Structures are given as C-alpha cells and as structure tokens.
N, C-alpha and C. Protein backbone atom coordinates (compact mmCIF):
# COMPACT_ATOMS: atom_id res chain seq x y z
N MET A 1 28.90 -85.86 -15.98
CA MET A 1 29.86 -86.81 -16.51
C MET A 1 29.73 -86.87 -18.03
N THR A 2 30.84 -87.12 -18.65
CA THR A 2 30.82 -87.26 -20.11
C THR A 2 30.39 -88.67 -20.48
N PRO A 3 29.77 -88.84 -21.64
CA PRO A 3 29.34 -90.17 -22.04
C PRO A 3 30.53 -91.07 -22.37
N LEU A 4 30.42 -92.32 -22.02
CA LEU A 4 31.47 -93.30 -22.26
C LEU A 4 30.87 -94.49 -22.99
N PRO A 5 31.68 -95.22 -23.77
CA PRO A 5 31.16 -96.42 -24.43
C PRO A 5 30.88 -97.51 -23.40
N LYS A 6 29.79 -98.26 -23.64
CA LYS A 6 29.42 -99.31 -22.69
C LYS A 6 30.33 -100.52 -22.82
N ARG A 7 30.73 -100.82 -24.03
CA ARG A 7 31.59 -101.98 -24.27
C ARG A 7 32.78 -101.59 -25.13
N ARG A 8 33.82 -102.37 -25.01
CA ARG A 8 35.02 -102.16 -25.82
C ARG A 8 34.77 -102.65 -27.25
N HIS A 9 35.22 -101.86 -28.23
CA HIS A 9 35.11 -102.30 -29.62
C HIS A 9 36.24 -103.27 -29.91
N SER A 10 35.93 -104.37 -30.57
CA SER A 10 36.94 -105.37 -30.88
C SER A 10 37.91 -104.83 -31.93
N THR A 11 39.07 -105.49 -32.03
CA THR A 11 40.06 -105.05 -33.02
C THR A 11 39.55 -105.30 -34.43
N ARG A 12 38.73 -106.33 -34.61
CA ARG A 12 38.17 -106.60 -35.93
C ARG A 12 37.23 -105.47 -36.35
N ARG A 13 36.43 -105.00 -35.42
CA ARG A 13 35.51 -103.91 -35.74
C ARG A 13 36.28 -102.63 -36.05
N GLY A 14 37.33 -102.38 -35.29
CA GLY A 14 38.15 -101.20 -35.57
C GLY A 14 38.88 -101.33 -36.89
N GLY A 15 39.33 -102.54 -37.20
CA GLY A 15 40.02 -102.77 -38.47
C GLY A 15 39.11 -102.57 -39.66
N LYS A 16 37.85 -102.99 -39.52
CA LYS A 16 36.89 -102.79 -40.61
C LYS A 16 36.65 -101.31 -40.84
N ARG A 17 36.61 -100.54 -39.78
CA ARG A 17 36.41 -99.10 -39.91
C ARG A 17 37.63 -98.45 -40.58
N GLU A 18 38.82 -98.86 -40.18
CA GLU A 18 40.03 -98.27 -40.74
C GLU A 18 40.28 -98.70 -42.18
N ALA A 19 39.75 -99.87 -42.56
CA ALA A 19 39.94 -100.35 -43.92
C ALA A 19 39.19 -99.48 -44.92
N ALA A 20 38.11 -98.86 -44.48
CA ALA A 20 37.33 -98.00 -45.38
C ALA A 20 38.05 -96.69 -45.65
N ILE A 21 38.94 -96.29 -44.75
CA ILE A 21 39.68 -95.05 -44.91
C ILE A 21 41.01 -95.40 -45.57
N SER A 22 41.08 -95.23 -46.87
CA SER A 22 42.30 -95.55 -47.59
C SER A 22 42.80 -94.32 -48.33
N VAL A 23 44.07 -94.32 -48.62
CA VAL A 23 44.68 -93.21 -49.33
C VAL A 23 44.47 -93.44 -50.82
N ASN A 24 43.88 -92.46 -51.49
CA ASN A 24 43.68 -92.56 -52.93
C ASN A 24 44.91 -92.04 -53.65
N ILE A 25 45.43 -92.84 -54.56
CA ILE A 25 46.58 -92.43 -55.35
C ILE A 25 46.07 -91.55 -56.49
N ALA A 26 46.69 -90.42 -56.67
CA ALA A 26 46.26 -89.48 -57.69
C ALA A 26 46.45 -90.10 -59.07
N THR A 27 45.39 -90.09 -59.88
CA THR A 27 45.47 -90.63 -61.23
C THR A 27 46.12 -89.60 -62.15
N ARG A 28 46.80 -90.08 -63.14
CA ARG A 28 47.47 -89.22 -64.11
C ARG A 28 46.88 -89.49 -65.48
N GLN A 29 46.85 -88.45 -66.30
CA GLN A 29 46.38 -88.57 -67.67
C GLN A 29 47.42 -87.98 -68.60
N LYS A 30 47.40 -88.44 -69.85
CA LYS A 30 48.32 -87.88 -70.83
C LYS A 30 47.76 -86.57 -71.36
N CYS A 31 48.64 -85.61 -71.52
CA CYS A 31 48.25 -84.32 -72.09
C CYS A 31 48.06 -84.52 -73.60
N PRO A 32 46.93 -84.05 -74.17
CA PRO A 32 46.73 -84.23 -75.60
C PRO A 32 47.70 -83.43 -76.47
N LYS A 33 48.27 -82.36 -75.94
CA LYS A 33 49.20 -81.54 -76.72
C LYS A 33 50.62 -82.10 -76.72
N CYS A 34 51.18 -82.30 -75.50
CA CYS A 34 52.59 -82.68 -75.42
C CYS A 34 52.81 -84.14 -75.03
N GLY A 35 51.80 -84.80 -74.48
CA GLY A 35 51.93 -86.21 -74.13
C GLY A 35 52.51 -86.48 -72.76
N SER A 36 52.84 -85.45 -72.00
CA SER A 36 53.37 -85.67 -70.65
C SER A 36 52.21 -85.95 -69.69
N LEU A 37 52.52 -86.51 -68.55
CA LEU A 37 51.49 -86.85 -67.57
C LEU A 37 51.09 -85.61 -66.78
N LYS A 38 49.78 -85.49 -66.53
CA LYS A 38 49.26 -84.35 -65.78
C LYS A 38 48.09 -84.82 -64.95
N LEU A 39 47.70 -84.02 -63.96
CA LEU A 39 46.53 -84.32 -63.15
C LEU A 39 45.27 -83.97 -63.92
N PRO A 40 44.18 -84.76 -63.75
CA PRO A 40 42.95 -84.44 -64.48
C PRO A 40 42.33 -83.14 -64.01
N HIS A 41 41.66 -82.44 -64.90
CA HIS A 41 40.98 -81.18 -64.65
C HIS A 41 41.93 -80.07 -64.23
N ARG A 42 43.18 -80.16 -64.67
CA ARG A 42 44.17 -79.13 -64.36
C ARG A 42 45.01 -78.87 -65.60
N ALA A 43 45.60 -77.70 -65.65
CA ALA A 43 46.45 -77.35 -66.79
C ALA A 43 47.73 -78.18 -66.74
N CYS A 44 48.25 -78.49 -67.91
CA CYS A 44 49.49 -79.26 -68.01
C CYS A 44 50.65 -78.38 -67.57
N PRO A 45 51.47 -78.84 -66.62
CA PRO A 45 52.57 -77.99 -66.15
C PRO A 45 53.70 -77.84 -67.16
N SER A 46 53.81 -78.77 -68.12
CA SER A 46 54.92 -78.69 -69.06
C SER A 46 54.62 -77.83 -70.28
N CYS A 47 53.35 -77.82 -70.76
CA CYS A 47 53.05 -77.00 -71.94
C CYS A 47 52.10 -75.85 -71.64
N GLY A 48 51.35 -75.90 -70.54
CA GLY A 48 50.49 -74.79 -70.15
C GLY A 48 49.11 -74.81 -70.78
N TYR A 49 48.72 -75.91 -71.41
CA TYR A 49 47.41 -75.99 -72.06
C TYR A 49 46.39 -76.67 -71.17
N TYR A 50 45.14 -76.22 -71.27
CA TYR A 50 44.00 -76.86 -70.62
C TYR A 50 42.81 -76.76 -71.56
N LYS A 51 42.27 -77.90 -71.96
CA LYS A 51 41.13 -77.97 -72.89
C LYS A 51 41.39 -77.16 -74.16
N GLU A 52 42.50 -77.44 -74.81
CA GLU A 52 42.87 -76.82 -76.09
C GLU A 52 43.10 -75.31 -76.00
N ASN A 53 43.18 -74.75 -74.81
CA ASN A 53 43.46 -73.32 -74.63
C ASN A 53 44.74 -73.17 -73.82
N GLN A 54 45.59 -72.25 -74.22
CA GLN A 54 46.81 -72.01 -73.45
C GLN A 54 46.47 -71.10 -72.28
N VAL A 55 46.66 -71.64 -71.08
CA VAL A 55 46.30 -70.93 -69.86
C VAL A 55 47.48 -70.09 -69.36
N PHE A 56 48.67 -70.64 -69.44
CA PHE A 56 49.85 -69.90 -69.01
C PHE A 56 51.04 -70.34 -69.87
N ILE A 57 52.07 -69.52 -69.86
CA ILE A 57 53.30 -69.85 -70.59
C ILE A 57 54.25 -70.47 -69.58
N PRO A 58 54.64 -71.74 -69.80
CA PRO A 58 55.53 -72.38 -68.82
C PRO A 58 56.92 -71.77 -68.85
N LYS A 59 57.56 -71.78 -67.70
CA LYS A 59 58.92 -71.26 -67.59
C LYS A 59 59.88 -72.26 -68.23
N ALA A 60 60.93 -71.74 -68.84
CA ALA A 60 61.94 -72.61 -69.45
C ALA A 60 62.73 -73.29 -68.35
N LYS A 61 62.96 -74.58 -68.53
CA LYS A 61 63.72 -75.32 -67.53
C LYS A 61 65.20 -74.98 -67.68
N THR A 62 65.82 -74.63 -66.58
CA THR A 62 67.24 -74.29 -66.60
C THR A 62 68.01 -75.37 -65.88
N GLN A 63 69.22 -75.64 -66.36
CA GLN A 63 70.06 -76.62 -65.70
C GLN A 63 70.79 -75.95 -64.54
N LYS A 64 70.94 -76.70 -63.48
CA LYS A 64 71.64 -76.17 -62.32
C LYS A 64 73.13 -76.06 -62.62
N GLU A 65 73.70 -74.93 -62.24
CA GLU A 65 75.12 -74.73 -62.47
C GLU A 65 75.90 -75.49 -61.42
N LYS A 66 77.04 -76.06 -61.85
CA LYS A 66 77.87 -76.84 -60.92
C LYS A 66 78.84 -75.96 -60.20
C-alpha cells in the first residue's frame, strides 16, 4: 500500500503554504546609455549595450504598412 496522510491538513495550513509561493514581478532598470527600461543583467533591447559594451546592433523599428 502507498503511504497516506494520517490527518487532513486544515485550509489555514494549506493557505500558509500557498502564501509562501508568490509570483515575483520582474524588476526593471534604466539603461545608462538610452534611458529605456531593461531587465537587470541583460543587454538593453533598444540600444544593444551591456556594461558599456555594445553586444549587438538592434534592428531598426519599422512601421506596419496599412
């Protein structure tokens, strides 16, 4: 037989467990070069710089044709 719990866990106990598991909202930082918001420890998607070094050349934004 498989092991089973001896007693039922109360809803308060389950709620306390679920309260510890929360969704973390990603923090944003300003890019020192262009000032747009970017994720920390990642290259800026708008200018392509990371730690004062250009990592990639960003693609030019094109407007959608109507």
